């Protein structure tokens, strides 16, 4: 088996969780466009949703639903 082929399947040394946390910090700072942040960190909205609570705990933000980060409109939301 070729070790180079294995390293190409996962170009980022960071886990999906870590990439999502980085994206959440970037979104909180309004540094860039949301879609660009998702693309650069190779995460999805679902990834953000999955790790948002742990991100809030890490940065000491309230877990109250009124404090959620802005979301992109989706077909199932109005």
N, C-alpha and C. Protein backbone atom coordinates (compact mmCIF):
# COMPACT_ATOMS: atom_id res chain seq x y z
N UNK A 1 0.84 -1.18 0.00
CA UNK A 1 0.00 0.00 0.00
C UNK A 1 0.88 1.25 0.00
N UNK A 2 0.47 2.25 -0.73
CA UNK A 2 1.24 3.48 -0.87
C UNK A 2 0.80 4.48 0.20
N UNK A 3 1.70 4.96 1.03
CA UNK A 3 1.35 5.90 2.10
C UNK A 3 0.96 7.27 1.54
N UNK A 4 1.48 7.63 0.36
CA UNK A 4 1.10 8.90 -0.26
C UNK A 4 -0.39 8.91 -0.58
N UNK A 5 -0.90 7.81 -1.07
CA UNK A 5 -2.32 7.72 -1.41
C UNK A 5 -3.19 7.91 -0.18
N UNK A 6 -2.74 7.40 0.96
CA UNK A 6 -3.51 7.55 2.19
C UNK A 6 -3.54 9.00 2.64
N UNK A 7 -2.43 9.70 2.53
CA UNK A 7 -2.40 11.08 2.99
C UNK A 7 -3.23 12.01 2.10
N UNK A 8 -3.45 11.63 0.87
CA UNK A 8 -4.24 12.45 -0.04
C UNK A 8 -5.74 12.38 0.24
N UNK A 9 -6.17 11.33 0.92
CA UNK A 9 -7.61 11.20 1.19
C UNK A 9 -8.07 12.18 2.25
N UNK A 10 -7.20 12.63 3.12
CA UNK A 10 -7.54 13.61 4.15
C UNK A 10 -6.49 14.70 4.14
N UNK A 11 -6.67 15.74 3.31
CA UNK A 11 -5.63 16.77 3.18
C UNK A 11 -5.41 17.59 4.45
N UNK A 12 -6.41 17.72 5.30
CA UNK A 12 -6.26 18.51 6.51
C UNK A 12 -5.86 17.62 7.68
N UNK A 13 -4.85 18.03 8.44
CA UNK A 13 -4.49 17.26 9.63
C UNK A 13 -5.48 17.47 10.77
N UNK A 14 -6.38 18.43 10.61
CA UNK A 14 -7.36 18.72 11.65
C UNK A 14 -8.61 17.86 11.49
N UNK A 15 -9.21 17.53 12.61
CA UNK A 15 -10.45 16.76 12.59
C UNK A 15 -11.60 17.65 12.10
N UNK A 16 -12.70 17.02 11.76
CA UNK A 16 -13.90 17.77 11.35
C UNK A 16 -14.35 18.67 12.48
N UNK A 17 -14.28 18.18 13.72
CA UNK A 17 -14.67 18.97 14.89
C UNK A 17 -13.81 20.24 14.99
N UNK A 18 -12.51 20.09 14.86
CA UNK A 18 -11.63 21.24 14.97
C UNK A 18 -11.86 22.23 13.83
N UNK A 19 -12.07 21.72 12.62
CA UNK A 19 -12.35 22.62 11.49
C UNK A 19 -13.67 23.36 11.72
N UNK A 20 -14.67 22.68 12.28
CA UNK A 20 -15.95 23.33 12.57
C UNK A 20 -15.78 24.41 13.64
N UNK A 21 -14.99 24.12 14.67
CA UNK A 21 -14.76 25.12 15.71
C UNK A 21 -14.05 26.36 15.15
N UNK A 22 -13.09 26.16 14.29
CA UNK A 22 -12.40 27.28 13.64
C UNK A 22 -13.39 28.09 12.80
N UNK A 23 -14.25 27.39 12.07
CA UNK A 23 -15.26 28.09 11.26
C UNK A 23 -16.21 28.88 12.14
N UNK A 24 -16.62 28.33 13.27
CA UNK A 24 -17.52 29.05 14.18
C UNK A 24 -16.85 30.31 14.74
N UNK A 25 -15.59 30.22 15.09
CA UNK A 25 -14.86 31.42 15.55
C UNK A 25 -14.80 32.46 14.44
N UNK A 26 -14.55 32.02 13.22
CA UNK A 26 -14.49 32.95 12.09
C UNK A 26 -15.84 33.61 11.85
N UNK A 27 -16.90 32.83 11.94
CA UNK A 27 -18.25 33.38 11.75
C UNK A 27 -18.58 34.40 12.84
N UNK A 28 -18.17 34.11 14.06
CA UNK A 28 -18.46 35.04 15.16
C UNK A 28 -17.75 36.37 14.98
N UNK A 29 -16.61 36.36 14.30
CA UNK A 29 -15.87 37.61 14.10
C UNK A 29 -16.29 38.33 12.82
N UNK A 30 -17.21 37.73 12.07
CA UNK A 30 -17.67 38.31 10.80
C UNK A 30 -16.50 38.63 9.87
N UNK A 31 -15.50 37.77 9.89
CA UNK A 31 -14.28 38.01 9.11
C UNK A 31 -14.48 37.88 7.61
N UNK A 32 -15.34 36.95 7.20
CA UNK A 32 -15.53 36.67 5.77
C UNK A 32 -16.97 36.24 5.52
N UNK A 33 -17.26 36.04 4.28
CA UNK A 33 -18.55 35.52 3.87
C UNK A 33 -18.75 34.11 4.43
N UNK A 34 -19.95 33.80 4.87
CA UNK A 34 -20.25 32.51 5.49
C UNK A 34 -19.90 31.34 4.58
N UNK A 35 -20.32 31.40 3.33
CA UNK A 35 -20.04 30.30 2.40
C UNK A 35 -18.54 30.12 2.18
N UNK A 36 -17.81 31.22 2.16
CA UNK A 36 -16.36 31.16 2.00
C UNK A 36 -15.71 30.50 3.22
N UNK A 37 -16.19 30.83 4.41
CA UNK A 37 -15.67 30.22 5.63
C UNK A 37 -15.93 28.71 5.62
N UNK A 38 -17.12 28.32 5.22
CA UNK A 38 -17.45 26.89 5.14
C UNK A 38 -16.52 26.20 4.14
N UNK A 39 -16.33 26.81 3.00
CA UNK A 39 -15.49 26.22 1.96
C UNK A 39 -14.04 26.10 2.42
N UNK A 40 -13.50 27.16 2.98
CA UNK A 40 -12.10 27.16 3.40
C UNK A 40 -11.82 26.12 4.50
N UNK A 41 -12.81 25.91 5.37
CA UNK A 41 -12.63 24.97 6.47
C UNK A 41 -13.16 23.57 6.17
N UNK A 42 -13.69 23.41 4.96
CA UNK A 42 -14.21 22.11 4.52
C UNK A 42 -15.20 21.53 5.51
N UNK A 43 -16.19 22.37 5.90
CA UNK A 43 -17.26 21.94 6.79
C UNK A 43 -18.60 22.33 6.19
N UNK A 44 -19.66 21.76 6.74
CA UNK A 44 -21.02 22.03 6.28
C UNK A 44 -21.80 22.71 7.39
N UNK A 45 -22.99 23.17 7.05
CA UNK A 45 -23.89 23.73 8.07
C UNK A 45 -24.20 22.68 9.13
N UNK A 46 -24.34 21.43 8.71
CA UNK A 46 -24.61 20.35 9.66
C UNK A 46 -23.46 20.18 10.65
N UNK A 47 -22.22 20.33 10.15
CA UNK A 47 -21.06 20.26 11.03
C UNK A 47 -21.12 21.39 12.07
N UNK A 48 -21.46 22.59 11.63
CA UNK A 48 -21.56 23.72 12.54
C UNK A 48 -22.62 23.46 13.60
N UNK A 49 -23.76 22.96 13.18
CA UNK A 49 -24.84 22.66 14.12
C UNK A 49 -24.40 21.61 15.14
N UNK A 50 -23.69 20.61 14.68
CA UNK A 50 -23.25 19.53 15.57
C UNK A 50 -22.30 20.01 16.65
N UNK A 51 -21.43 20.95 16.32
CA UNK A 51 -20.38 21.36 17.25
C UNK A 51 -20.60 22.74 17.87
N UNK A 52 -21.71 23.40 17.55
CA UNK A 52 -21.93 24.75 18.06
C UNK A 52 -22.04 24.79 19.58
N UNK A 53 -22.71 23.83 20.17
CA UNK A 53 -22.85 23.84 21.63
C UNK A 53 -21.49 23.73 22.33
N UNK A 54 -20.63 22.83 21.85
CA UNK A 54 -19.32 22.70 22.48
C UNK A 54 -18.48 23.97 22.24
N UNK A 55 -18.66 24.61 21.08
CA UNK A 55 -17.96 25.87 20.81
C UNK A 55 -18.41 26.94 21.80
N UNK A 56 -19.71 27.02 22.05
CA UNK A 56 -20.23 28.01 22.99
C UNK A 56 -19.68 27.78 24.40
N UNK A 57 -19.56 26.54 24.80
CA UNK A 57 -18.98 26.22 26.10
C UNK A 57 -17.51 26.65 26.14
N UNK A 58 -16.77 26.37 25.07
CA UNK A 58 -15.36 26.74 25.01
C UNK A 58 -15.14 28.25 25.13
N UNK A 59 -16.00 29.01 24.49
CA UNK A 59 -15.77 30.47 24.51
C UNK A 59 -16.66 31.18 25.53
N UNK A 60 -17.37 30.41 26.37
CA UNK A 60 -18.15 31.01 27.45
C UNK A 60 -19.37 31.77 27.00
N UNK A 61 -19.95 31.36 25.87
CA UNK A 61 -21.16 32.03 25.38
C UNK A 61 -22.40 31.33 25.90
N UNK A 62 -23.49 32.09 26.08
CA UNK A 62 -24.73 31.47 26.56
C UNK A 62 -25.25 30.43 25.57
N UNK A 63 -25.91 29.40 26.11
CA UNK A 63 -26.48 28.35 25.27
C UNK A 63 -27.93 28.63 24.92
N UNK A 64 -28.42 29.80 25.29
CA UNK A 64 -29.81 30.16 25.02
C UNK A 64 -30.05 30.23 23.52
N UNK A 65 -31.19 29.69 23.04
CA UNK A 65 -31.46 29.67 21.58
C UNK A 65 -31.49 31.04 20.92
N UNK A 66 -31.79 32.09 21.68
CA UNK A 66 -31.83 33.43 21.09
C UNK A 66 -30.45 33.93 20.70
N UNK A 67 -29.40 33.24 21.13
CA UNK A 67 -28.04 33.68 20.85
C UNK A 67 -27.38 32.88 19.73
N UNK A 68 -28.14 32.08 19.02
CA UNK A 68 -27.56 31.28 17.95
C UNK A 68 -26.98 32.16 16.86
N UNK A 69 -25.94 31.67 16.22
CA UNK A 69 -25.35 32.39 15.10
C UNK A 69 -26.35 32.47 13.96
N UNK A 70 -26.29 33.50 13.15
CA UNK A 70 -27.19 33.59 12.00
C UNK A 70 -27.03 32.38 11.09
N UNK A 71 -28.13 31.94 10.53
CA UNK A 71 -28.14 30.76 9.68
C UNK A 71 -28.41 31.16 8.23
N UNK A 72 -27.94 30.32 7.32
CA UNK A 72 -28.31 30.49 5.93
C UNK A 72 -29.73 30.01 5.75
N UNK A 73 -30.51 30.64 4.89
CA UNK A 73 -31.86 30.15 4.64
C UNK A 73 -31.80 28.77 3.98
N UNK A 74 -32.70 27.90 4.40
CA UNK A 74 -32.78 26.58 3.78
C UNK A 74 -34.21 26.34 3.32
N UNK A 75 -34.39 25.31 2.55
CA UNK A 75 -35.71 25.02 1.98
C UNK A 75 -36.74 24.69 3.07
N UNK A 76 -36.29 24.08 4.17
CA UNK A 76 -37.23 23.70 5.21
C UNK A 76 -37.49 24.81 6.23
N UNK A 77 -36.78 25.93 6.12
CA UNK A 77 -37.02 27.09 7.00
C UNK A 77 -37.55 28.25 6.17
N UNK A 78 -38.41 29.04 6.77
CA UNK A 78 -38.94 30.23 6.08
C UNK A 78 -38.04 31.42 6.30
